[in-house]
Amino acid sequence: RVELARALAAEPRLLLLDEPASGLNHEEVEALGGLIRSLRE
């Protein structure tokens, strides 16, 4: 999430996410999906 925050600090219009769920447990993956959609909006 820190790396995601750092990417967003550059104020991108296009965000490239390379394997964001890698190494996450099931609960973290579920939360990640909602987070990506909410950040998109």
PDB file of all heavy atoms in Angstrom:
ATOM      1  N   ARG A   1       0.827  -1.218   0.000  1.00  0.00           N
ATOM      2  CA  ARG A   1       0.000   0.000   0.000  1.00  0.00           C
ATOM      3  C   ARG A   1       0.856   1.260   0.000  1.00  0.00           C
ATOM      4  O   ARG A   1       0.476   2.276  -0.578  1.00  0.00           O
ATOM      5  CB  ARG A   1      -0.952  -0.013   1.199  1.00  0.00           C
ATOM      6  CG  ARG A   1      -2.172  -0.909   0.983  1.00  0.00           C
ATOM      7  CD  ARG A   1      -3.158  -0.781   2.108  1.00  0.00           C
ATOM      8  NE  ARG A   1      -2.717  -1.478   3.298  1.00  0.00           N
ATOM      9  CZ  ARG A   1      -2.777  -1.006   4.527  1.00  0.00           C
ATOM     10  NH1 ARG A   1      -3.246   0.218   4.744  1.00  0.00           N
ATOM     11  NH2 ARG A   1      -2.374  -1.718   5.552  1.00  0.00           N
ATOM     12  N   VAL A   2       2.029   1.188   0.642  1.00  0.00           N
ATOM     13  CA  VAL A   2       2.949   2.332   0.621  1.00  0.00           C
ATOM     14  C   VAL A   2       3.398   2.602  -0.817  1.00  0.00           C
ATOM     15  O   VAL A   2       3.423   3.749  -1.274  1.00  0.00           O
ATOM     16  CB  VAL A   2       4.166   2.085   1.520  1.00  0.00           C
ATOM     17  CG1 VAL A   2       5.176   3.233   1.383  1.00  0.00           C
ATOM     18  CG2 VAL A   2       3.738   1.935   2.980  1.00  0.00           C
ATOM     19  N   GLU A   3       3.745   1.549  -1.539  1.00  0.00           N
ATOM     20  CA  GLU A   3       4.185   1.737  -2.925  1.00  0.00           C
ATOM     21  C   GLU A   3       3.055   2.295  -3.787  1.00  0.00           C
ATOM     22  O   GLU A   3       3.274   3.134  -4.667  1.00  0.00           O
ATOM     23  CB  GLU A   3       4.704   0.426  -3.520  1.00  0.00           C
ATOM     24  CG  GLU A   3       5.350   0.661  -4.878  1.00  0.00           C
ATOM     25  CD  GLU A   3       5.942  -0.587  -5.482  1.00  0.00           C
ATOM     26  OE1 GLU A   3       5.287  -1.644  -5.424  1.00  0.00           O
ATOM     27  OE2 GLU A   3       7.051  -0.498  -6.030  1.00  0.00           O
ATOM     28  N   LEU A   4       1.841   1.850  -3.520  1.00  0.00           N
ATOM     29  CA  LEU A   4       0.695   2.377  -4.244  1.00  0.00           C
ATOM     30  C   LEU A   4       0.500   3.863  -3.944  1.00  0.00           C
ATOM     31  O   LEU A   4       0.242   4.675  -4.856  1.00  0.00           O
ATOM     32  CB  LEU A   4      -0.557   1.579  -3.878  1.00  0.00           C
ATOM     33  CG  LEU A   4      -1.866   1.965  -4.563  1.00  0.00           C
ATOM     34  CD1 LEU A   4      -1.709   1.975  -6.079  1.00  0.00           C
ATOM     35  CD2 LEU A   4      -2.971   0.993  -4.155  1.00  0.00           C
ATOM     36  N   ALA A   5       0.639   4.236  -2.682  1.00  0.00           N
ATOM     37  CA  ALA A   5       0.522   5.651  -2.305  1.00  0.00           C
ATOM     38  C   ALA A   5       1.596   6.476  -2.990  1.00  0.00           C
ATOM     39  O   ALA A   5       1.338   7.599  -3.454  1.00  0.00           O
ATOM     40  CB  ALA A   5       0.620   5.802  -0.788  1.00  0.00           C
ATOM     41  N   ARG A   6       2.802   5.944  -3.066  1.00  0.00           N
ATOM     42  CA  ARG A   6       3.888   6.677  -3.723  1.00  0.00           C
ATOM     43  C   ARG A   6       3.603   6.875  -5.212  1.00  0.00           C
ATOM     44  O   ARG A   6       3.856   7.946  -5.769  1.00  0.00           O
ATOM     45  CB  ARG A   6       5.221   5.957  -3.545  1.00  0.00           C
ATOM     46  CG  ARG A   6       6.400   6.766  -4.072  1.00  0.00           C
ATOM     47  CD  ARG A   6       7.724   6.082  -3.842  1.00  0.00           C
ATOM     48  NE  ARG A   6       7.828   4.834  -4.587  1.00  0.00           N
ATOM     49  CZ  ARG A   6       8.883   4.027  -4.516  1.00  0.00           C
ATOM     50  NH1 ARG A   6       9.887   4.329  -3.717  1.00  0.00           N
ATOM     51  NH2 ARG A   6       8.926   2.930  -5.224  1.00  0.00           N
ATOM     52  N   ALA A   7       3.058   5.854  -5.865  1.00  0.00           N
ATOM     53  CA  ALA A   7       2.708   5.982  -7.280  1.00  0.00           C
ATOM     54  C   ALA A   7       1.632   7.051  -7.477  1.00  0.00           C
ATOM     55  O   ALA A   7       1.680   7.840  -8.422  1.00  0.00           O
ATOM     56  CB  ALA A   7       2.239   4.642  -7.828  1.00  0.00           C
ATOM     57  N   LEU A   8       0.659   7.101  -6.563  1.00  0.00           N
ATOM     58  CA  LEU A   8      -0.424   8.078  -6.663  1.00  0.00           C
ATOM     59  C   LEU A   8       0.070   9.495  -6.387  1.00  0.00           C
ATOM     60  O   LEU A   8      -0.528  10.465  -6.866  1.00  0.00           O
ATOM     61  CB  LEU A   8      -1.543   7.720  -5.693  1.00  0.00           C
ATOM     62  CG  LEU A   8      -2.328   6.449  -6.024  1.00  0.00           C
ATOM     63  CD1 LEU A   8      -3.266   6.093  -4.874  1.00  0.00           C
ATOM     64  CD2 LEU A   8      -3.116   6.617  -7.314  1.00  0.00           C
ATOM     65  N   ALA A   9       1.167   9.632  -5.634  1.00  0.00           N
ATOM     66  CA  ALA A   9       1.699  10.964  -5.313  1.00  0.00           C
ATOM     67  C   ALA A   9       2.165  11.701  -6.560  1.00  0.00           C
ATOM     68  O   ALA A   9       2.243  12.932  -6.566  1.00  0.00           O
ATOM     69  CB  ALA A   9       2.843  10.839  -4.313  1.00  0.00           C
ATOM     70  N   ALA A  10       2.469  10.961  -7.618  1.00  0.00           N
ATOM     71  CA  ALA A  10       2.894  11.582  -8.874  1.00  0.00           C
ATOM     72  C   ALA A  10       1.708  12.112  -9.684  1.00  0.00           C
ATOM     73  O   ALA A  10       1.900  12.630 -10.771  1.00  0.00           O
ATOM     74  CB  ALA A  10       3.690  10.581  -9.706  1.00  0.00           C
ATOM     75  N   GLU A  11       0.496  11.953  -9.132  1.00  0.00           N
ATOM     76  CA  GLU A  11      -0.729  12.432  -9.771  1.00  0.00           C
ATOM     77  C   GLU A  11      -0.907  11.845 -11.172  1.00  0.00           C
ATOM     78  O   GLU A  11      -1.107  12.560 -12.159  1.00  0.00           O
ATOM     79  CB  GLU A  11      -0.741  13.961  -9.826  1.00  0.00           C
ATOM     80  CG  GLU A  11      -0.650  14.610  -8.457  1.00  0.00           C
ATOM     81  CD  GLU A  11      -0.547  16.122  -8.519  1.00  0.00           C
ATOM     82  OE1 GLU A  11      -0.760  16.697  -9.615  1.00  0.00           O
ATOM     83  OE2 GLU A  11      -0.260  16.736  -7.475  1.00  0.00           O
ATOM     84  N   PRO A  12      -0.854  10.508 -11.285  1.00  0.00           N
ATOM     85  CA  PRO A  12      -0.963   9.891 -12.611  1.00  0.00           C
ATOM     86  C   PRO A  12      -2.396   9.908 -13.135  1.00  0.00           C
ATOM     87  O   PRO A  12      -3.354   9.958 -12.363  1.00  0.00           O
ATOM     88  CB  PRO A  12      -0.515   8.449 -12.345  1.00  0.00           C
ATOM     89  CG  PRO A  12      -0.946   8.196 -10.929  1.00  0.00           C
ATOM     90  CD  PRO A  12      -0.706   9.507 -10.220  1.00  0.00           C
ATOM     91  N   ARG A  13      -2.513   9.865 -14.436  1.00  0.00           N
ATOM     92  CA  ARG A  13      -3.795   9.625 -15.092  1.00  0.00           C
ATOM     93  C   ARG A  13      -3.914   8.147 -15.450  1.00  0.00           C
ATOM     94  O   ARG A  13      -5.006   7.596 -15.495  1.00  0.00           O
ATOM     95  CB  ARG A  13      -3.917  10.487 -16.342  1.00  0.00           C
ATOM     96  CG  ARG A  13      -3.907  11.968 -16.031  1.00  0.00           C
ATOM     97  CD  ARG A  13      -3.658  12.787 -17.277  1.00  0.00           C
ATOM     98  NE  ARG A  13      -4.676  12.547 -18.278  1.00  0.00           N
ATOM     99  CZ  ARG A  13      -4.510  12.798 -19.576  1.00  0.00           C
ATOM    100  NH1 ARG A  13      -3.357  13.294 -20.021  1.00  0.00           N
ATOM    101  NH2 ARG A  13      -5.489  12.556 -20.426  1.00  0.00           N
ATOM    102  N   LEU A  14      -2.771   7.509 -15.732  1.00  0.00           N
ATOM    103  CA  LEU A  14      -2.699   6.077 -16.007  1.00  0.00           C
ATOM    104  C   LEU A  14      -1.844   5.432 -14.943  1.00  0.00           C
ATOM    105  O   LEU A  14      -0.706   5.843 -14.710  1.00  0.00           O
ATOM    106  CB  LEU A  14      -2.087   5.821 -17.387  1.00  0.00           C
ATOM    107  CG  LEU A  14      -1.798   4.355 -17.737  1.00  0.00           C
ATOM    108  CD1 LEU A  14      -3.089   3.551 -17.862  1.00  0.00           C
ATOM    109  CD2 LEU A  14      -0.978   4.256 -19.025  1.00  0.00           C
ATOM    110  N   LEU A  15      -2.387   4.411 -14.279  1.00  0.00           N
ATOM    111  CA  LEU A  15      -1.664   3.695 -13.230  1.00  0.00           C
ATOM    112  C   LEU A  15      -1.392   2.273 -13.699  1.00  0.00           C
ATOM    113  O   LEU A  15      -2.317   1.526 -14.014  1.00  0.00           O
ATOM    114  CB  LEU A  15      -2.485   3.690 -11.938  1.00  0.00           C
ATOM    115  CG  LEU A  15      -1.838   3.055 -10.708  1.00  0.00           C
ATOM    116  CD1 LEU A  15      -0.552   3.786 -10.327  1.00  0.00           C
ATOM    117  CD2 LEU A  15      -2.818   3.062  -9.533  1.00  0.00           C
ATOM    118  N   LEU A  16      -0.111   1.895 -13.737  1.00  0.00           N
ATOM    119  CA  LEU A  16       0.307   0.548 -14.108  1.00  0.00           C
ATOM    120  C   LEU A  16       0.561  -0.239 -12.834  1.00  0.00           C
ATOM    121  O   LEU A  16       1.447   0.120 -12.048  1.00  0.00           O
ATOM    122  CB  LEU A  16       1.577   0.600 -14.951  1.00  0.00           C
ATOM    123  CG  LEU A  16       1.577   1.512 -16.182  1.00  0.00           C
ATOM    124  CD1 LEU A  16       2.964   1.515 -16.840  1.00  0.00           C
ATOM    125  CD2 LEU A  16       0.516   1.091 -17.174  1.00  0.00           C
ATOM    126  N   LEU A  17      -0.207  -1.287 -12.609  1.00  0.00           N
ATOM    127  CA  LEU A  17      -0.065  -2.107 -11.406  1.00  0.00           C
ATOM    128  C   LEU A  17       0.502  -3.462 -11.797  1.00  0.00           C
ATOM    129  O   LEU A  17      -0.147  -4.246 -12.490  1.00  0.00           O
ATOM    130  CB  LEU A  17      -1.427  -2.283 -10.719  1.00  0.00           C
ATOM    131  CG  LEU A  17      -2.121  -1.012 -10.224  1.00  0.00           C
ATOM    132  CD1 LEU A  17      -3.475  -1.352  -9.598  1.00  0.00           C
ATOM    133  CD2 LEU A  17      -1.244  -0.271  -9.221  1.00  0.00           C
ATOM    134  N   ASP A  18       1.724  -3.745 -11.351  1.00  0.00           N
ATOM    135  CA  ASP A  18       2.411  -4.985 -11.704  1.00  0.00           C
ATOM    136  C   ASP A  18       2.319  -5.976 -10.543  1.00  0.00           C
ATOM    137  O   ASP A  18       3.004  -5.829  -9.538  1.00  0.00           O
ATOM    138  CB  ASP A  18       3.872  -4.673 -12.033  1.00  0.00           C
ATOM    139  CG  ASP A  18       4.586  -5.845 -12.697  1.00  0.00           C
ATOM    140  OD1 ASP A  18       3.988  -6.935 -12.784  1.00  0.00           O
ATOM    141  OD2 ASP A  18       5.741  -5.675 -13.118  1.00  0.00           O
ATOM    142  N   GLU A  19       1.439  -6.966 -10.692  1.00  0.00           N
ATOM    143  CA  GLU A  19       1.235  -8.017  -9.693  1.00  0.00           C
ATOM    144  C   GLU A  19       0.951  -7.442  -8.301  1.00  0.00           C
ATOM    145  O   GLU A  19       1.633  -7.787  -7.322  1.00  0.00           O
ATOM    146  CB  GLU A  19       2.462  -8.935  -9.632  1.00  0.00           C
ATOM    147  CG  GLU A  19       2.781  -9.641 -10.927  1.00  0.00           C
ATOM    148  CD  GLU A  19       1.943 -10.876 -11.179  1.00  0.00           C
ATOM    149  OE1 GLU A  19       1.038 -11.146 -10.363  1.00  0.00           O
ATOM    150  OE2 GLU A  19       2.177 -11.548 -12.185  1.00  0.00           O
ATOM    151  N   PRO A  20      -0.050  -6.578  -8.145  1.00  0.00           N
ATOM    152  CA  PRO A  20      -0.310  -5.982  -6.828  1.00  0.00           C
ATOM    153  C   PRO A  20      -0.760  -6.985  -5.776  1.00  0.00           C
ATOM    154  O   PRO A  20      -0.623  -6.722  -4.582  1.00  0.00           O
ATOM    155  CB  PRO A  20      -1.417  -4.960  -7.127  1.00  0.00           C
ATOM    156  CG  PRO A  20      -2.117  -5.499  -8.334  1.00  0.00           C
ATOM    157  CD  PRO A  20      -1.019  -6.105  -9.165  1.00  0.00           C
ATOM    158  N   ALA A  21      -1.301  -8.135  -6.195  1.00  0.00           N
ATOM    159  CA  ALA A  21      -1.771  -9.128  -5.230  1.00  0.00           C
ATOM    160  C   ALA A  21      -0.695 -10.141  -4.854  1.00  0.00           C
ATOM    161  O   ALA A  21      -0.921 -10.985  -3.979  1.00  0.00           O
ATOM    162  CB  ALA A  21      -2.999  -9.869  -5.782  1.00  0.00           C
ATOM    163  N   SER A  22       0.470 -10.053  -5.486  1.00  0.00           N
ATOM    164  CA  SER A  22       1.544 -11.011  -5.207  1.00  0.00           C
ATOM    165  C   SER A  22       1.952 -10.945  -3.736  1.00  0.00           C
ATOM    166  O   SER A  22       2.245  -9.883  -3.200  1.00  0.00           O
ATOM    167  CB  SER A  22       2.750 -10.706  -6.090  1.00  0.00           C
ATOM    168  OG  SER A  22       3.843 -11.534  -5.769  1.00  0.00           O
ATOM    169  N   GLY A  23       1.958 -12.094  -3.075  1.00  0.00           N
ATOM    170  CA  GLY A  23       2.385 -12.169  -1.687  1.00  0.00           C
ATOM    171  C   GLY A  23       1.327 -11.810  -0.671  1.00  0.00           C
ATOM    172  O   GLY A  23       1.596 -11.840   0.539  1.00  0.00           O
ATOM    173  N   LEU A  24       0.119 -11.475  -1.116  1.00  0.00           N
ATOM    174  CA  LEU A  24      -0.950 -11.097  -0.191  1.00  0.00           C
ATOM    175  C   LEU A  24      -1.790 -12.321   0.185  1.00  0.00           C
ATOM    176  O   LEU A  24      -1.935 -13.253  -0.600  1.00  0.00           O
ATOM    177  CB  LEU A  24      -1.858 -10.035  -0.820  1.00  0.00           C
ATOM    178  CG  LEU A  24      -1.198  -8.731  -1.278  1.00  0.00           C
ATOM    179  CD1 LEU A  24      -2.261  -7.758  -1.754  1.00  0.00           C
ATOM    180  CD2 LEU A  24      -0.362  -8.112  -0.154  1.00  0.00           C
ATOM    181  N   ASN A  25      -2.361 -12.294   1.387  1.00  0.00           N
ATOM    182  CA  ASN A  25      -3.264 -13.378   1.787  1.00  0.00           C
ATOM    183  C   ASN A  25      -4.659 -13.112   1.234  1.00  0.00           C
ATOM    184  O   ASN A  25      -4.918 -12.078   0.601  1.00  0.00           O
ATOM    185  CB  ASN A  25      -3.284 -13.554   3.306  1.00  0.00           C
ATOM    186  CG  ASN A  25      -3.775 -12.307   4.036  1.00  0.00           C
ATOM    187  OD1 ASN A  25      -4.693 -11.612   3.596  1.00  0.00           O
ATOM    188  ND2 ASN A  25      -3.169 -12.020   5.191  1.00  0.00           N
ATOM    189  N   HIS A  26      -5.572 -14.060   1.461  1.00  0.00           N
ATOM    190  CA  HIS A  26      -6.903 -13.982   0.868  1.00  0.00           C
ATOM    191  C   HIS A  26      -7.639 -12.706   1.267  1.00  0.00           C
ATOM    192  O   HIS A  26      -8.235 -12.022   0.421  1.00  0.00           O
ATOM    193  CB  HIS A  26      -7.724 -15.207   1.279  1.00  0.00           C
ATOM    194  CG  HIS A  26      -9.134 -15.189   0.767  1.00  0.00           C
ATOM    195  ND1 HIS A  26      -9.456 -15.424  -0.559  1.00  0.00           N
ATOM    196  CD2 HIS A  26     -10.316 -14.930   1.399  1.00  0.00           C
ATOM    197  CE1 HIS A  26     -10.768 -15.329  -0.720  1.00  0.00           C
ATOM    198  NE2 HIS A  26     -11.306 -15.029   0.445  1.00  0.00           N
ATOM    199  N   GLU A  27      -7.585 -12.372   2.552  1.00  0.00           N
ATOM    200  CA  GLU A  27      -8.290 -11.175   3.027  1.00  0.00           C
ATOM    201  C   GLU A  27      -7.699  -9.911   2.403  1.00  0.00           C
ATOM    202  O   GLU A  27      -8.438  -8.990   2.035  1.00  0.00           O
ATOM    203  CB  GLU A  27      -8.224 -11.086   4.549  1.00  0.00           C
ATOM    204  CG  GLU A  27      -9.046 -12.137   5.291  1.00  0.00           C
ATOM    205  CD  GLU A  27      -8.394 -13.521   5.271  1.00  0.00           C
ATOM    206  OE1 GLU A  27      -7.180 -13.601   4.958  1.00  0.00           O
ATOM    207  OE2 GLU A  27      -9.091 -14.508   5.574  1.00  0.00           O
ATOM    208  N   GLU A  28      -6.374  -9.879   2.263  1.00  0.00           N
ATOM    209  CA  GLU A  28      -5.720  -8.714   1.677  1.00  0.00           C
ATOM    210  C   GLU A  28      -6.065  -8.572   0.195  1.00  0.00           C
ATOM    211  O   GLU A  28      -6.239  -7.452  -0.310  1.00  0.00           O
ATOM    212  CB  GLU A  28      -4.206  -8.810   1.865  1.00  0.00           C
ATOM    213  CG  GLU A  28      -3.754  -8.599   3.314  1.00  0.00           C
ATOM    214  CD  GLU A  28      -2.294  -8.931   3.526  1.00  0.00           C
ATOM    215  OE1 GLU A  28      -1.760  -9.798   2.800  1.00  0.00           O
ATOM    216  OE2 GLU A  28      -1.682  -8.332   4.430  1.00  0.00           O
ATOM    217  N   VAL A  29      -6.170  -9.687  -0.507  1.00  0.00           N
ATOM    218  CA  VAL A  29      -6.546  -9.651  -1.925  1.00  0.00           C
ATOM    219  C   VAL A  29      -7.966  -9.128  -2.082  1.00  0.00           C
ATOM    220  O   VAL A  29      -8.257  -8.310  -2.970  1.00  0.00           O
ATOM    221  CB  VAL A  29      -6.397 -11.041  -2.577  1.00  0.00           C
ATOM    222  CG1 VAL A  29      -6.990 -11.037  -3.991  1.00  0.00           C
ATOM    223  CG2 VAL A  29      -4.935 -11.456  -2.628  1.00  0.00           C
ATOM    224  N   GLU A  30      -8.874  -9.588  -1.215  1.00  0.00           N
ATOM    225  CA  GLU A  30     -10.259  -9.114  -1.272  1.00  0.00           C
ATOM    226  C   GLU A  30     -10.318  -7.607  -1.050  1.00  0.00           C
ATOM    227  O   GLU A  30     -11.022  -6.882  -1.755  1.00  0.00           O
ATOM    228  CB  GLU A  30     -11.099  -9.834  -0.207  1.00  0.00           C
ATOM    229  CG  GLU A  30     -11.391 -11.291  -0.511  1.00  0.00           C
ATOM    230  CD  GLU A  30     -12.260 -11.457  -1.744  1.00  0.00           C
ATOM    231  OE1 GLU A  30     -13.272 -10.729  -1.863  1.00  0.00           O
ATOM    232  OE2 GLU A  30     -11.919 -12.304  -2.591  1.00  0.00           O
ATOM    233  N   ALA A  31      -9.557  -7.125  -0.082  1.00  0.00           N
ATOM    234  CA  ALA A  31      -9.547  -5.688   0.201  1.00  0.00           C
ATOM    235  C   ALA A  31      -8.908  -4.907  -0.941  1.00  0.00           C
ATOM    236  O   ALA A  31      -9.330  -3.782  -1.252  1.00  0.00           O
ATOM    237  CB  ALA A  31      -8.796  -5.425   1.506  1.00  0.00           C
ATOM    238  N   LEU A  32      -7.904  -5.487  -1.585  1.00  0.00           N
ATOM    239  CA  LEU A  32      -7.204  -4.812  -2.674  1.00  0.00           C
ATOM    240  C   LEU A  32      -8.142  -4.513  -3.839  1.00  0.00           C
ATOM    241  O   LEU A  32      -8.079  -3.428  -4.426  1.00  0.00           O
ATOM    242  CB  LEU A  32      -6.032  -5.675  -3.159  1.00  0.00           C
ATOM    243  CG  LEU A  32      -5.251  -5.132  -4.350  1.00  0.00           C
ATOM    244  CD1 LEU A  32      -4.551  -3.822  -3.992  1.00  0.00           C
ATOM    245  CD2 LEU A  32      -4.239  -6.171  -4.837  1.00  0.00           C
ATOM    246  N   GLY A  33      -9.004  -5.465  -4.157  1.00  0.00           N
ATOM    247  CA  GLY A  33      -9.934  -5.246  -5.261  1.00  0.00           C
ATOM    248  C   GLY A  33     -10.813  -4.027  -5.037  1.00  0.00           C
ATOM    249  O   GLY A  33     -10.967  -3.165  -5.924  1.00  0.00           O
ATOM    250  N   GLY A  34     -11.369  -3.917  -3.848  1.00  0.00           N
ATOM    251  CA  GLY A  34     -12.196  -2.759  -3.521  1.00  0.00           C
ATOM    252  C   GLY A  34     -11.399  -1.482  -3.505  1.00  0.00           C
ATOM    253  O   GLY A  34     -11.881  -0.414  -3.928  1.00  0.00           O
ATOM    254  N   LEU A  35     -10.144  -1.563  -3.035  1.00  0.00           N
ATOM    255  CA  LEU A  35      -9.288  -0.380  -2.967  1.00  0.00           C
ATOM    256  C   LEU A  35      -8.991   0.153  -4.367  1.00  0.00           C
ATOM    257  O   LEU A  35      -9.072   1.363  -4.617  1.00  0.00           O
ATOM    258  CB  LEU A  35      -7.992  -0.720  -2.239  1.00  0.00           C
ATOM    259  CG  LEU A  35      -6.954   0.407  -2.154  1.00  0.00           C
ATOM    260  CD1 LEU A  35      -7.506   1.594  -1.369  1.00  0.00           C
ATOM    261  CD2 LEU A  35      -5.663  -0.117  -1.517  1.00  0.00           C
ATOM    262  N   ILE A  36      -8.644  -0.737  -5.294  1.00  0.00           N
ATOM    263  CA  ILE A  36      -8.321  -0.301  -6.659  1.00  0.00           C
ATOM    264  C   ILE A  36      -9.519   0.381  -7.302  1.00  0.00           C
ATOM    265  O   ILE A  36      -9.392   1.444  -7.929  1.00  0.00           O
ATOM    266  CB  ILE A  36      -7.849  -1.497  -7.517  1.00  0.00           C
ATOM    267  CG1 ILE A  36      -6.495  -2.009  -7.016  1.00  0.00           C
ATOM    268  CG2 ILE A  36      -7.740  -1.087  -8.993  1.00  0.00           C
ATOM    269  CD1 ILE A  36      -6.045  -3.301  -7.664  1.00  0.00           C
ATOM    270  N   ARG A  37     -10.695  -0.192  -7.125  1.00  0.00           N
ATOM    271  CA  ARG A  37     -11.900   0.424  -7.701  1.00  0.00           C
ATOM    272  C   ARG A  37     -12.194   1.776  -7.062  1.00  0.00           C
ATOM    273  O   ARG A  37     -12.557   2.741  -7.753  1.00  0.00           O
ATOM    274  CB  ARG A  37     -13.099  -0.512  -7.533  1.00  0.00           C
ATOM    275  CG  ARG A  37     -13.155  -1.626  -8.570  1.00  0.00           C
ATOM    276  CD  ARG A  37     -14.489  -2.354  -8.495  1.00  0.00           C
ATOM    277  NE  ARG A  37     -14.674  -3.242  -9.628  1.00  0.00           N
ATOM    278  CZ  ARG A  37     -15.162  -2.867 -10.798  1.00  0.00           C
ATOM    279  NH1 ARG A  37     -15.489  -1.611 -10.992  1.00  0.00           N
ATOM    280  NH2 ARG A  37     -15.317  -3.743 -11.772  1.00  0.00           N
ATOM    281  N   SER A  38     -12.036   1.879  -5.755  1.00  0.00           N
ATOM    282  CA  SER A  38     -12.332   3.143  -5.085  1.00  0.00           C
ATOM    283  C   SER A  38     -11.327   4.222  -5.474  1.00  0.00           C
ATOM    284  O   SER A  38     -11.684   5.391  -5.660  1.00  0.00           O
ATOM    285  CB  SER A  38     -12.359   2.964  -3.565  1.00  0.00           C
ATOM    286  OG  SER A  38     -11.072   2.653  -3.057  1.00  0.00           O
ATOM    287  N   LEU A  39     -10.056   3.848  -5.635  1.00  0.00           N
ATOM    288  CA  LEU A  39      -9.040   4.810  -6.059  1.00  0.00           C
ATOM    289  C   LEU A  39      -9.280   5.257  -7.498  1.00  0.00           C
ATOM    290  O   LEU A  39      -9.060   6.430  -7.832  1.00  0.00           O
ATOM    291  CB  LEU A  39      -7.646   4.202  -5.923  1.00  0.00           C
ATOM    292  CG  LEU A  39      -7.167   3.926  -4.493  1.00  0.00           C
ATOM    293  CD1 LEU A  39      -5.821   3.200  -4.512  1.00  0.00           C
ATOM    294  CD2 LEU A  39      -7.058   5.210  -3.678  1.00  0.00           C
ATOM    295  N   ARG A  40      -9.737   4.342  -8.340  1.00  0.00           N
ATOM    296  CA  ARG A  40     -10.078   4.706  -9.712  1.00  0.00           C
ATOM    297  C   ARG A  40     -11.118   5.815  -9.737  1.00  0.00           C
ATOM    298  O   ARG A  40     -11.009   6.785 -10.474  1.00  0.00           O
ATOM    299  CB  ARG A  40     -10.578   3.464 -10.449  1.00  0.00           C
ATOM    300  CG  ARG A  40     -10.870   3.669 -11.954  1.00  0.00           C
ATOM    301  CD  ARG A  40     -12.342   3.922 -12.246  1.00  0.00           C
ATOM    302  NE  ARG A  40     -13.181   2.818 -11.858  1.00  0.00           N
ATOM    303  CZ  ARG A  40     -13.582   1.854 -12.697  1.00  0.00           C
ATOM    304  NH1 ARG A  40     -13.227   1.896 -13.964  1.00  0.00           N
ATOM    305  NH2 ARG A  40     -14.373   0.885 -12.260  1.00  0.00           N
ATOM    306  N   GLU A  41     -12.142   5.670  -8.892  1.00  0.00           N
ATOM    307  CA  GLU A  41     -13.201   6.679  -8.838  1.00  0.00           C
ATOM    308  C   GLU A  41     -12.713   7.975  -8.194  1.00  0.00           C
ATOM    309  O   GLU A  41     -12.968   9.070  -8.707  1.00  0.00           O
ATOM    310  CB  GLU A  41     -14.392   6.129  -8.038  1.00  0.00           C
ATOM    311  CG  GLU A  41     -15.012   4.865  -8.623  1.00  0.00           C
ATOM    312  CD  GLU A  41     -15.627   5.098  -9.997  1.00  0.00           C
ATOM    313  OE1 GLU A  41     -16.038   6.246 -10.277  1.00  0.00           O
ATOM    314  OE2 GLU A  41     -15.683   4.138 -10.787  1.00  0.00           O
TER     315      GLU A  41
END
